[in-house]
Amino acid sequence: MTYEQAITNAKNGQNVKRSSWSGRYIRRRIETDSEGNTKTYLEDVTTRTTTALYTSTDGDIMATDWTIV
């Protein structure tokens, strides 16, 4: 699938990854603060223990090898 389709799937709660990624995927993360405001992030998960905010690369954007995990 394309990058746009992958991001849409991630926004809808599905984990996505590039076909070449092993032990790494992107997922949606929702946080609610003490005032009840919610923020949604795309989170880059590596080996299910390390997380960071996802930042796309030019290669990610141009790729058509995205898959649902």
Protein backbone atom coordinates (compact mmCIF):
# COMPACT_ATOMS: atom_id res chain seq x y z
CA MET A 1 0.00 0.00 0.00
CA THR A 2 1.08 3.61 -0.33
CA TYR A 3 2.27 5.91 2.45
CA GLU A 4 -1.06 7.74 2.43
CA GLN A 5 -2.97 4.48 2.83
CA ALA A 6 -0.63 3.36 5.61
CA ILE A 7 -1.08 6.60 7.56
CA THR A 8 -4.87 6.37 7.15
CA ASN A 9 -4.78 2.80 8.48
CA ALA A 10 -2.60 3.90 11.42
CA LYS A 11 -5.03 6.72 12.21
CA ASN A 12 -7.81 4.11 12.22
CA GLY A 13 -5.96 2.07 14.86
CA GLN A 14 -4.11 -0.52 12.78
CA ASN A 15 -0.37 -1.08 13.15
CA VAL A 16 1.56 -0.58 9.90
CA LYS A 17 5.12 -1.12 8.74
CA ARG A 18 7.35 -1.14 5.68
CA SER A 19 7.92 -4.63 4.29
CA SER A 20 11.67 -4.30 4.96
CA TRP A 21 11.20 -3.44 8.65
CA SER A 22 11.79 -6.24 11.12
CA GLY A 23 10.63 -5.80 14.72
CA ARG A 24 9.44 -2.27 14.01
CA TYR A 25 6.05 -0.77 13.24
CA ILE A 26 3.97 2.40 13.59
CA ARG A 27 0.90 2.67 15.77
CA ARG A 28 -1.53 5.34 16.91
CA ARG A 29 -1.16 6.68 20.43
CA ILE A 30 -3.84 8.74 22.15
CA GLU A 31 -3.10 10.72 25.30
CA THR A 32 -5.58 12.58 27.49
CA ASP A 33 -4.32 15.32 29.76
CA SER A 34 -5.72 16.25 33.17
CA GLU A 35 -8.14 18.73 31.55
CA GLY A 36 -9.65 16.08 29.29
CA ASN A 37 -7.95 17.25 26.09
CA THR A 38 -6.79 14.46 23.81
CA LYS A 39 -3.79 14.39 21.52
CA THR A 40 -3.13 11.76 18.88
CA TYR A 41 0.38 10.77 17.81
CA LEU A 42 1.92 8.25 15.47
CA GLU A 43 4.41 6.26 17.45
CA ASP A 44 7.37 4.29 16.10
CA VAL A 45 7.66 1.03 18.05
CA THR A 46 10.83 -1.06 17.91
CA THR A 47 10.82 -4.60 19.31
CA ARG A 48 7.73 -3.68 21.33
CA THR A 49 9.79 -2.02 24.05
CA THR A 50 11.19 1.20 22.62
CA THR A 51 8.86 3.93 21.42
CA ALA A 52 9.39 7.35 19.89
CA LEU A 53 7.34 9.77 17.85
CA TYR A 54 7.33 8.70 14.21
CA THR A 55 9.05 10.99 11.73
CA SER A 56 8.72 10.02 8.09
CA THR A 57 11.61 9.92 5.64
CA ASP A 58 11.49 10.68 1.93
CA GLY A 59 11.87 6.93 1.35
CA ASP A 60 8.84 6.21 3.57
CA ILE A 61 6.71 8.76 1.74
CA MET A 62 7.62 7.46 -1.72
CA ALA A 63 7.36 3.76 -0.81
CA THR A 64 4.53 1.46 -1.86
CA ASP A 65 5.60 -1.50 0.29
CA TRP A 66 3.61 -0.62 3.42
CA THR A 67 1.72 -3.47 5.09
CA ILE A 68 -0.67 -3.92 8.00
CA VAL A 69 0.88 -5.79 10.92
